[in-house]
Amino acid sequence: MNIPIEYYLILSGFMFLVGVAGVLTRRNAIIVFMSIELMLNSANLTLVTFSSYMGNSTGQLFVFFVMTVAAAEAAVGLAIILAMFRNKLTLNIDDINILKW
């Protein structure tokens, strides 16, 4: 039984929309960070879907590199969030605003 490509693309689009909604509506830095990761995983699902559909493994190889960069970004991003929490004692993005004079 083959699952149609449209189901994967609809799931990927839904995941991306949930990620965008999380970035735009939430004020907690951790939740915004998780929403960005969800959008990256949505893009990875789309790449794997088209790679499988076309019968070419180039998309899957590209997903491997995207996941590697996302893991490094997660480590650096969490370190920055931890440093901001230690400095400001809050994770609310509106309260952190360290770029103002």
PDB file of N, CA and C in Angstrom:
ATOM      1  N   MET A   1       0.830  -1.177   0.000  1.00  0.00           N
ATOM      2  CA  MET A   1       0.000   0.000   0.000  1.00  0.00           C
ATOM      3  C   MET A   1       0.879   1.246   0.000  1.00  0.00           C
ATOM      4  N   ASN A   2       0.743   2.064  -1.002  1.00  0.00           N
ATOM      5  CA  ASN A   2       1.506   3.297  -1.088  1.00  0.00           C
ATOM      6  C   ASN A   2       0.684   4.469  -0.573  1.00  0.00           C
ATOM      7  N   ILE A   3       1.315   5.308   0.206  1.00  0.00           N
ATOM      8  CA  ILE A   3       0.668   6.517   0.695  1.00  0.00           C
ATOM      9  C   ILE A   3       0.918   7.617  -0.328  1.00  0.00           C
ATOM     10  N   PRO A   4      -0.116   8.319  -0.753  1.00  0.00           N
ATOM     11  CA  PRO A   4       0.071   9.373  -1.767  1.00  0.00           C
ATOM     12  C   PRO A   4       0.977  10.494  -1.268  1.00  0.00           C
ATOM     13  N   ILE A   5       1.668  11.122  -2.190  1.00  0.00           N
ATOM     14  CA  ILE A   5       2.609  12.192  -1.866  1.00  0.00           C
ATOM     15  C   ILE A   5       1.891  13.392  -1.244  1.00  0.00           C
ATOM     16  N   GLU A   6       0.635  13.560  -1.592  1.00  0.00           N
ATOM     17  CA  GLU A   6      -0.122  14.707  -1.065  1.00  0.00           C
ATOM     18  C   GLU A   6      -0.254  14.648   0.448  1.00  0.00           C
ATOM     19  N   TYR A   7      -0.370  13.451   1.020  1.00  0.00           N
ATOM     20  CA  TYR A   7      -0.504  13.325   2.468  1.00  0.00           C
ATOM     21  C   TYR A   7       0.751  13.829   3.174  1.00  0.00           C
ATOM     22  N   TYR A   8       1.904  13.470   2.632  1.00  0.00           N
ATOM     23  CA  TYR A   8       3.155  13.939   3.220  1.00  0.00           C
ATOM     24  C   TYR A   8       3.280  15.457   3.116  1.00  0.00           C
ATOM     25  N   LEU A   9       2.904  15.996   1.985  1.00  0.00           N
ATOM     26  CA  LEU A   9       3.011  17.445   1.786  1.00  0.00           C
ATOM     27  C   LEU A   9       2.011  18.200   2.652  1.00  0.00           C
ATOM     28  N   ILE A  10       0.823  17.648   2.843  1.00  0.00           N
ATOM     29  CA  ILE A  10      -0.150  18.284   3.735  1.00  0.00           C
ATOM     30  C   ILE A  10       0.362  18.253   5.168  1.00  0.00           C
ATOM     31  N   LEU A  11       0.921  17.130   5.596  1.00  0.00           N
ATOM     32  CA  LEU A  11       1.494  17.037   6.939  1.00  0.00           C
ATOM     33  C   LEU A  11       2.637  18.023   7.115  1.00  0.00           C
ATOM     34  N   SER A  12       3.489  18.128   6.110  1.00  0.00           N
ATOM     35  CA  SER A  12       4.605  19.064   6.165  1.00  0.00           C
ATOM     36  C   SER A  12       4.121  20.503   6.230  1.00  0.00           C
ATOM     37  N   GLY A  13       3.119  20.830   5.437  1.00  0.00           N
ATOM     38  CA  GLY A  13       2.556  22.180   5.471  1.00  0.00           C
ATOM     39  C   GLY A  13       1.924  22.496   6.812  1.00  0.00           C
ATOM     40  N   PHE A  14       1.208  21.525   7.377  1.00  0.00           N
ATOM     41  CA  PHE A  14       0.601  21.725   8.695  1.00  0.00           C
ATOM     42  C   PHE A  14       1.670  21.943   9.764  1.00  0.00           C
ATOM     43  N   MET A  15       2.737  21.138   9.707  1.00  0.00           N
ATOM     44  CA  MET A  15       3.833  21.307  10.672  1.00  0.00           C
ATOM     45  C   MET A  15       4.457  22.693  10.542  1.00  0.00           C
ATOM     46  N   PHE A  16       4.645  23.140   9.308  1.00  0.00           N
ATOM     47  CA  PHE A  16       5.245  24.451   9.096  1.00  0.00           C
ATOM     48  C   PHE A  16       4.335  25.560   9.626  1.00  0.00           C
ATOM     49  N   LEU A  17       3.029  25.440   9.392  1.00  0.00           N
ATOM     50  CA  LEU A  17       2.092  26.449   9.887  1.00  0.00           C
ATOM     51  C   LEU A  17       2.036  26.479  11.409  1.00  0.00           C
ATOM     52  N   VAL A  18       2.124  25.323  12.050  1.00  0.00           N
ATOM     53  CA  VAL A  18       2.169  25.285  13.513  1.00  0.00           C
ATOM     54  C   VAL A  18       3.441  25.968  14.015  1.00  0.00           C
ATOM     55  N   GLY A  19       4.549  25.743  13.324  1.00  0.00           N
ATOM     56  CA  GLY A  19       5.803  26.403  13.694  1.00  0.00           C
ATOM     57  C   GLY A  19       5.729  27.906  13.525  1.00  0.00           C
ATOM     58  N   VAL A  20       5.162  28.368  12.429  1.00  0.00           N
ATOM     59  CA  VAL A  20       5.018  29.815  12.198  1.00  0.00           C
ATOM     60  C   VAL A  20       4.111  30.432  13.256  1.00  0.00           C
ATOM     61  N   ALA A  21       3.015  29.741  13.567  1.00  0.00           N
ATOM     62  CA  ALA A  21       2.101  30.249  14.597  1.00  0.00           C
ATOM     63  C   ALA A  21       2.798  30.321  15.947  1.00  0.00           C
ATOM     64  N   GLY A  22       3.641  29.349  16.255  1.00  0.00           N
ATOM     65  CA  GLY A  22       4.384  29.365  17.513  1.00  0.00           C
ATOM     66  C   GLY A  22       5.368  30.513  17.588  1.00  0.00           C
ATOM     67  N   VAL A  23       6.031  30.797  16.486  1.00  0.00           N
ATOM     68  CA  VAL A  23       6.998  31.906  16.467  1.00  0.00           C
ATOM     69  C   VAL A  23       6.280  33.240  16.596  1.00  0.00           C
ATOM     70  N   LEU A  24       5.144  33.390  15.935  1.00  0.00           N
ATOM     71  CA  LEU A  24       4.460  34.676  15.916  1.00  0.00           C
ATOM     72  C   LEU A  24       3.639  34.965  17.168  1.00  0.00           C
ATOM     73  N   THR A  25       3.157  33.932  17.844  1.00  0.00           N
ATOM     74  CA  THR A  25       2.250  34.176  18.962  1.00  0.00           C
ATOM     75  C   THR A  25       2.869  33.993  20.334  1.00  0.00           C
ATOM     76  N   ARG A  26       3.899  33.219  20.470  1.00  0.00           N
ATOM     77  CA  ARG A  26       4.462  32.924  21.786  1.00  0.00           C
ATOM     78  C   ARG A  26       5.549  33.916  22.150  1.00  0.00           C
ATOM     79  N   ARG A  27       5.737  34.119  23.426  1.00  0.00           N
ATOM     80  CA  ARG A  27       6.748  35.050  23.925  1.00  0.00           C
ATOM     81  C   ARG A  27       7.839  34.340  24.713  1.00  0.00           C
ATOM     82  N   ASN A  28       7.705  33.041  24.924  1.00  0.00           N
ATOM     83  CA  ASN A  28       8.721  32.286  25.631  1.00  0.00           C
ATOM     84  C   ASN A  28       9.813  31.879  24.648  1.00  0.00           C
ATOM     85  N   ALA A  29      11.063  32.136  25.002  1.00  0.00           N
ATOM     86  CA  ALA A  29      12.181  31.884  24.087  1.00  0.00           C
ATOM     87  C   ALA A  29      12.322  30.401  23.758  1.00  0.00           C
ATOM     88  N   ILE A  30      12.068  29.528  24.715  1.00  0.00           N
ATOM     89  CA  ILE A  30      12.181  28.090  24.467  1.00  0.00           C
ATOM     90  C   ILE A  30      11.117  27.635  23.465  1.00  0.00           C
ATOM     91  N   ILE A  31       9.892  28.115  23.618  1.00  0.00           N
ATOM     92  CA  ILE A  31       8.822  27.716  22.704  1.00  0.00           C
ATOM     93  C   ILE A  31       9.083  28.264  21.299  1.00  0.00           C
ATOM     94  N   VAL A  32       9.583  29.482  21.195  1.00  0.00           N
ATOM     95  CA  VAL A  32       9.942  30.042  19.884  1.00  0.00           C
ATOM     96  C   VAL A  32      11.041  29.206  19.243  1.00  0.00           C
ATOM     97  N   PHE A  33      12.011  28.810  20.042  1.00  0.00           N
ATOM     98  CA  PHE A  33      13.106  27.981  19.538  1.00  0.00           C
ATOM     99  C   PHE A  33      12.583  26.629  19.056  1.00  0.00           C
ATOM    100  N   MET A  34      11.674  26.009  19.798  1.00  0.00           N
ATOM    101  CA  MET A  34      11.099  24.729  19.379  1.00  0.00           C
ATOM    102  C   MET A  34      10.265  24.894  18.118  1.00  0.00           C
ATOM    103  N   SER A  35       9.612  26.027  17.968  1.00  0.00           N
ATOM    104  CA  SER A  35       8.813  26.280  16.760  1.00  0.00           C
ATOM    105  C   SER A  35       9.705  26.402  15.534  1.00  0.00           C
ATOM    106  N   ILE A  36      10.852  27.021  15.691  1.00  0.00           N
ATOM    107  CA  ILE A  36      11.806  27.120  14.582  1.00  0.00           C
ATOM    108  C   ILE A  36      12.316  25.736  14.196  1.00  0.00           C
ATOM    109  N   GLU A  37      12.589  24.900  15.183  1.00  0.00           N
ATOM    110  CA  GLU A  37      13.021  23.532  14.904  1.00  0.00           C
ATOM    111  C   GLU A  37      11.913  22.748  14.189  1.00  0.00           C
ATOM    112  N   LEU A  38      10.660  22.989  14.560  1.00  0.00           N
ATOM    113  CA  LEU A  38       9.539  22.326  13.897  1.00  0.00           C
ATOM    114  C   LEU A  38       9.465  22.735  12.429  1.00  0.00           C
ATOM    115  N   MET A  39       9.722  24.003  12.140  1.00  0.00           N
ATOM    116  CA  MET A  39       9.725  24.450  10.744  1.00  0.00           C
ATOM    117  C   MET A  39      10.875  23.807   9.966  1.00  0.00           C
ATOM    118  N   LEU A  40      12.035  23.644  10.593  1.00  0.00           N
ATOM    119  CA  LEU A  40      13.152  22.955   9.926  1.00  0.00           C
ATOM    120  C   LEU A  40      12.796  21.502   9.632  1.00  0.00           C
ATOM    121  N   ASN A  41      12.157  20.834  10.584  1.00  0.00           N
ATOM    122  CA  ASN A  41      11.764  19.439  10.364  1.00  0.00           C
ATOM    123  C   ASN A  41      10.698  19.323   9.281  1.00  0.00           C
ATOM    124  N   SER A  42       9.842  20.318   9.170  1.00  0.00           N
ATOM    125  CA  SER A  42       8.857  20.333   8.096  1.00  0.00           C
ATOM    126  C   SER A  42       9.534  20.411   6.731  1.00  0.00           C
ATOM    127  N   ALA A  43      10.525  21.271   6.635  1.00  0.00           N
ATOM    128  CA  ALA A  43      11.270  21.373   5.379  1.00  0.00           C
ATOM    129  C   ALA A  43      12.005  20.067   5.075  1.00  0.00           C
ATOM    130  N   ASN A  44      12.529  19.420   6.100  1.00  0.00           N
ATOM    131  CA  ASN A  44      13.202  18.127   5.903  1.00  0.00           C
ATOM    132  C   ASN A  44      12.223  17.071   5.405  1.00  0.00           C
ATOM    133  N   LEU A  45      11.011  17.060   5.960  1.00  0.00           N
ATOM    134  CA  LEU A  45      10.008  16.092   5.499  1.00  0.00           C
ATOM    135  C   LEU A  45       9.668  16.317   4.035  1.00  0.00           C
ATOM    136  N   THR A  46       9.584  17.566   3.632  1.00  0.00           N
ATOM    137  CA  THR A  46       9.306  17.867   2.227  1.00  0.00           C
ATOM    138  C   THR A  46      10.444  17.396   1.329  1.00  0.00           C
ATOM    139  N   LEU A  47      11.675  17.635   1.758  1.00  0.00           N
ATOM    140  CA  LEU A  47      12.829  17.183   0.960  1.00  0.00           C
ATOM    141  C   LEU A  47      12.858  15.665   0.829  1.00  0.00           C
ATOM    142  N   VAL A  48      12.603  14.962   1.924  1.00  0.00           N
ATOM    143  CA  VAL A  48      12.610  13.499   1.872  1.00  0.00           C
ATOM    144  C   VAL A  48      11.455  12.987   1.015  1.00  0.00           C
ATOM    145  N   THR A  49      10.311  13.644   1.094  1.00  0.00           N
ATOM    146  CA  THR A  49       9.153  13.237   0.292  1.00  0.00           C
ATOM    147  C   THR A  49       9.456  13.346  -1.194  1.00  0.00           C
ATOM    148  N   PHE A  50       9.976  14.490  -1.616  1.00  0.00           N
ATOM    149  CA  PHE A  50      10.273  14.653  -3.038  1.00  0.00           C
ATOM    150  C   PHE A  50      11.442  13.775  -3.475  1.00  0.00           C
ATOM    151  N   SER A  51      12.393  13.552  -2.592  1.00  0.00           N
ATOM    152  CA  SER A  51      13.508  12.672  -2.918  1.00  0.00           C
ATOM    153  C   SER A  51      13.017  11.244  -3.154  1.00  0.00           C
ATOM    154  N   SER A  52      12.125  10.793  -2.300  1.00  0.00           N
ATOM    155  CA  SER A  52      11.573   9.449  -2.472  1.00  0.00           C
ATOM    156  C   SER A  52      10.691   9.368  -3.715  1.00  0.00           C
ATOM    157  N   TYR A  53       9.916  10.401  -3.955  1.00  0.00           N
ATOM    158  CA  TYR A  53       9.014  10.422  -5.104  1.00  0.00           C
ATOM    159  C   TYR A  53       9.786  10.403  -6.421  1.00  0.00           C
ATOM    160  N   MET A  54      10.886  11.141  -6.476  1.00  0.00           N
ATOM    161  CA  MET A  54      11.683  11.214  -7.694  1.00  0.00           C
ATOM    162  C   MET A  54      12.645  10.041  -7.846  1.00  0.00           C
ATOM    163  N   GLY A  55      12.852   9.275  -6.772  1.00  0.00           N
ATOM    164  CA  GLY A  55      13.774   8.149  -6.841  1.00  0.00           C
ATOM    165  C   GLY A  55      15.227   8.567  -6.810  1.00  0.00           C
ATOM    166  N   ASN A  56      15.501   9.749  -6.252  1.00  0.00           N
ATOM    167  CA  ASN A  56      16.858  10.288  -6.192  1.00  0.00           C
ATOM    168  C   ASN A  56      17.223  10.484  -4.730  1.00  0.00           C
ATOM    169  N   SER A  57      18.418  10.097  -4.337  1.00  0.00           N
ATOM    170  CA  SER A  57      18.815  10.189  -2.928  1.00  0.00           C
ATOM    171  C   SER A  57      19.488  11.524  -2.587  1.00  0.00           C
ATOM    172  N   THR A  58      19.546  12.451  -3.510  1.00  0.00           N
ATOM    173  CA  THR A  58      20.193  13.738  -3.251  1.00  0.00           C
ATOM    174  C   THR A  58      19.452  14.519  -2.168  1.00  0.00           C
ATOM    175  N   GLY A  59      18.137  14.492  -2.184  1.00  0.00           N
ATOM    176  CA  GLY A  59      17.358  15.185  -1.171  1.00  0.00           C
ATOM    177  C   GLY A  59      17.595  14.618   0.214  1.00  0.00           C
ATOM    178  N   GLN A  60      17.736  13.304   0.315  1.00  0.00           N
ATOM    179  CA  GLN A  60      17.997  12.677   1.601  1.00  0.00           C
ATOM    180  C   GLN A  60      19.381  13.030   2.120  1.00  0.00           C
ATOM    181  N   LEU A  61      20.327  13.155   1.230  1.00  0.00           N
ATOM    182  CA  LEU A  61      21.663  13.580   1.628  1.00  0.00           C
ATOM    183  C   LEU A  61      21.639  15.025   2.111  1.00  0.00           C
ATOM    184  N   PHE A  62      20.875  15.858   1.447  1.00  0.00           N
ATOM    185  CA  PHE A  62      20.741  17.251   1.868  1.00  0.00           C
ATOM    186  C   PHE A  62      20.079  17.345   3.236  1.00  0.00           C
ATOM    187  N   VAL A  63      19.097  16.483   3.500  1.00  0.00           N
ATOM    188  CA  VAL A  63      18.441  16.450   4.814  1.00  0.00           C
ATOM    189  C   VAL A  63      19.441  16.086   5.898  1.00  0.00           C
ATOM    190  N   PHE A  64      20.360  15.180   5.601  1.00  0.00           N
ATOM    191  CA  PHE A  64      21.391  14.816   6.573  1.00  0.00           C
ATOM    192  C   PHE A  64      22.219  16.038   6.960  1.00  0.00           C
ATOM    193  N   PHE A  65      22.603  16.847   6.006  1.00  0.00           N
ATOM    194  CA  PHE A  65      23.380  18.048   6.307  1.00  0.00           C
ATOM    195  C   PHE A  65      22.540  19.096   7.035  1.00  0.00           C
ATOM    196  N   VAL A  66      21.278  19.220   6.682  1.00  0.00           N
ATOM    197  CA  VAL A  66      20.401  20.161   7.381  1.00  0.00           C
ATOM    198  C   VAL A  66      20.228  19.742   8.827  1.00  0.00           C
ATOM    199  N   MET A  67      20.090  18.444   9.090  1.00  0.00           N
ATOM    200  CA  MET A  67      19.955  17.965  10.462  1.00  0.00           C
ATOM    201  C   MET A  67      21.235  18.195  11.257  1.00  0.00           C
ATOM    202  N   THR A  68      22.383  18.078  10.615  1.00  0.00           N
ATOM    203  CA  THR A  68      23.650  18.340  11.290  1.00  0.00           C
ATOM    204  C   THR A  68      23.757  19.807  11.683  1.00  0.00           C
ATOM    205  N   VAL A  69      23.403  20.689  10.780  1.00  0.00           N
ATOM    206  CA  VAL A  69      23.432  22.125  11.077  1.00  0.00           C
ATOM    207  C   VAL A  69      22.389  22.470  12.145  1.00  0.00           C
ATOM    208  N   ALA A  70      21.226  21.827  12.092  1.00  0.00           N
ATOM    209  CA  ALA A  70      20.183  22.085  13.088  1.00  0.00           C
ATOM    210  C   ALA A  70      20.622  21.630  14.477  1.00  0.00           C
ATOM    211  N   ALA A  71      21.356  20.534  14.559  1.00  0.00           N
ATOM    212  CA  ALA A  71      21.856  20.080  15.859  1.00  0.00           C
ATOM    213  C   ALA A  71      22.861  21.073  16.427  1.00  0.00           C
ATOM    214  N   ALA A  72      23.752  21.576  15.583  1.00  0.00           N
ATOM    215  CA  ALA A  72      24.713  22.589  16.045  1.00  0.00           C
ATOM    216  C   ALA A  72      23.986  23.872  16.432  1.00  0.00           C
ATOM    217  N   GLU A  73      22.975  24.248  15.658  1.00  0.00           N
ATOM    218  CA  GLU A  73      22.191  25.444  15.959  1.00  0.00           C
ATOM    219  C   GLU A  73      21.432  25.278  17.263  1.00  0.00           C
ATOM    220  N   ALA A  74      20.946  24.076  17.533  1.00  0.00           N
ATOM    221  CA  ALA A  74      20.240  23.827  18.793  1.00  0.00           C
ATOM    222  C   ALA A  74      21.176  23.979  19.978  1.00  0.00           C
ATOM    223  N   ALA A  75      22.381  23.476  19.870  1.00  0.00           N
ATOM    224  CA  ALA A  75      23.339  23.601  20.972  1.00  0.00           C
ATOM    225  C   ALA A  75      23.699  25.058  21.229  1.00  0.00           C
ATOM    226  N   VAL A  76      23.984  25.801  20.174  1.00  0.00           N
ATOM    227  CA  VAL A  76      24.346  27.215  20.329  1.00  0.00           C
ATOM    228  C   VAL A  76      23.135  28.030  20.782  1.00  0.00           C
ATOM    229  N   GLY A  77      21.965  27.760  20.214  1.00  0.00           N
ATOM    230  CA  GLY A  77      20.758  28.495  20.591  1.00  0.00           C
ATOM    231  C   GLY A  77      20.384  28.278  22.042  1.00  0.00           C
ATOM    232  N   LEU A  78      20.460  27.038  22.515  1.00  0.00           N
ATOM    233  CA  LEU A  78      20.154  26.777  23.919  1.00  0.00           C
ATOM    234  C   LEU A  78      21.177  27.415  24.846  1.00  0.00           C
ATOM    235  N   ALA A  79      22.429  27.455  24.430  1.00  0.00           N
ATOM    236  CA  ALA A  79      23.447  28.133  25.240  1.00  0.00           C
ATOM    237  C   ALA A  79      23.165  29.635  25.328  1.00  0.00           C
ATOM    238  N   ILE A  80      22.740  30.234  24.236  1.00  0.00           N
ATOM    239  CA  ILE A  80      22.397  31.664  24.253  1.00  0.00           C
ATOM    240  C   ILE A  80      21.179  31.913  25.131  1.00  0.00           C
ATOM    241  N   ILE A  81      20.164  31.054  25.019  1.00  0.00           N
ATOM    242  CA  ILE A  81      18.974  31.207  25.854  1.00  0.00           C
ATOM    243  C   ILE A  81      19.334  31.050  27.330  1.00  0.00           C
ATOM    244  N   LEU A  82      20.179  30.100  27.649  1.00  0.00           N
ATOM    245  CA  LEU A  82      20.608  29.907  29.033  1.00  0.00           C
ATOM    246  C   LEU A  82      21.372  31.116  29.552  1.00  0.00           C
ATOM    247  N   ALA A  83      22.239  31.693  28.729  1.00  0.00           N
ATOM    248  CA  ALA A  83      22.985  32.885  29.139  1.00  0.00           C
ATOM    249  C   ALA A  83      22.056  34.077  29.340  1.00  0.00           C
ATOM    250  N   MET A  84      21.064  34.223  28.474  1.00  0.00           N
ATOM    251  CA  MET A  84      20.114  35.326  28.643  1.00  0.00           C
ATOM    252  C   MET A  84      19.270  35.134  29.903  1.00  0.00           C
ATOM    253  N   PHE A  85      18.913  33.885  30.209  1.00  0.00           N
ATOM    254  CA  PHE A  85      18.136  33.638  31.418  1.00  0.00           C
ATOM    255  C   PHE A  85      18.957  33.955  32.667  1.00  0.00           C
ATOM    256  N   ARG A  86      20.223  33.594  32.654  1.00  0.00           N
ATOM    257  CA  ARG A  86      21.084  33.898  33.807  1.00  0.00           C
ATOM    258  C   ARG A  86      21.280  35.396  33.975  1.00  0.00           C
ATOM    259  N   ASN A  87      21.268  36.130  32.880  1.00  0.00           N
ATOM    260  CA  ASN A  87      21.483  37.573  32.931  1.00  0.00           C
ATOM    261  C   ASN A  87      20.211  38.324  33.307  1.00  0.00           C
ATOM    262  N   LYS A  88      19.079  37.983  32.702  1.00  0.00           N
ATOM    263  CA  LYS A  88      17.827  38.729  32.880  1.00  0.00           C
ATOM    264  C   LYS A  88      16.822  38.044  33.810  1.00  0.00           C
ATOM    265  N   LEU A  89      17.032  36.765  34.137  1.00  0.00           N
ATOM    266  CA  LEU A  89      16.143  35.983  34.997  1.00  0.00           C
ATOM    267  C   LEU A  89      14.723  35.852  34.437  1.00  0.00           C
ATOM    268  N   THR A  90      14.604  35.855  33.141  1.00  0.00           N
ATOM    269  CA  THR A  90      13.314  35.636  32.476  1.00  0.00           C
ATOM    270  C   THR A  90      13.568  35.051  31.091  1.00  0.00           C
ATOM    271  N   LEU A  91      12.552  34.346  30.581  1.00  0.00           N
ATOM    272  CA  LEU A  91      12.611  33.819  29.221  1.00  0.00           C
ATOM    273  C   LEU A  91      11.622  34.528  28.312  1.00  0.00           C
ATOM    274  N   ASN A  92      10.948  35.540  28.818  1.00  0.00           N
ATOM    275  CA  ASN A  92      10.002  36.317  28.022  1.00  0.00           C
ATOM    276  C   ASN A  92      10.777  37.200  27.040  1.00  0.00           C
ATOM    277  N   ILE A  93      10.478  37.062  25.765  1.00  0.00           N
ATOM    278  CA  ILE A  93      11.219  37.770  24.735  1.00  0.00           C
ATOM    279  C   ILE A  93      11.040  39.287  24.860  1.00  0.00           C
ATOM    280  N   ASP A  94       9.857  39.720  25.260  1.00  0.00           N
ATOM    281  CA  ASP A  94       9.607  41.155  25.396  1.00  0.00           C
ATOM    282  C   ASP A  94      10.456  41.766  26.509  1.00  0.00           C
ATOM    283  N   ASP A  95      10.725  41.009  27.565  1.00  0.00           N
ATOM    284  CA  ASP A  95      11.495  41.533  28.688  1.00  0.00           C
ATOM    285  C   ASP A  95      13.000  41.482  28.447  1.00  0.00           C
ATOM    286  N   ILE A  96      13.441  40.610  27.558  1.00  0.00           N
ATOM    287  CA  ILE A  96      14.896  40.445  27.334  1.00  0.00           C
ATOM    288  C   ILE A  96      15.459  41.621  26.554  1.00  0.00           C
ATOM    289  N   ASN A  97      14.947  41.937  25.419  1.00  0.00           N
ATOM    290  CA  ASN A  97      15.289  43.084  24.575  1.00  0.00           C
ATOM    291  C   ASN A  97      16.611  43.768  24.936  1.00  0.00           C
ATOM    292  N   ILE A  98      17.740  43.095  24.704  1.00  0.00           N
ATOM    293  CA  ILE A  98      19.058  43.594  25.107  1.00  0.00           C
ATOM    294  C   ILE A  98      19.676  44.513  24.054  1.00  0.00           C
ATOM    295  N   LEU A  99      19.025  44.711  22.922  1.00  0.00           N
ATOM    296  CA  LEU A  99      19.615  45.535  21.880  1.00  0.00           C
ATOM    297  C   LEU A  99      19.234  47.011  21.993  1.00  0.00           C
ATOM    298  N   LYS A 100      18.343  47.349  22.918  1.00  0.00           N
ATOM    299  CA  LYS A 100      17.983  48.751  23.115  1.00  0.00           C
ATOM    300  C   LYS A 100      19.012  49.448  23.985  1.00  0.00           C
ATOM    301  N   TRP A 101      19.116  50.762  23.835  1.00  0.00           N
ATOM    302  CA  TRP A 101      20.041  51.536  24.658  1.00  0.00           C
ATOM    303  C   TRP A 101      19.491  51.743  26.003  1.00  0.00           C
TER     304      TRP A 101
END
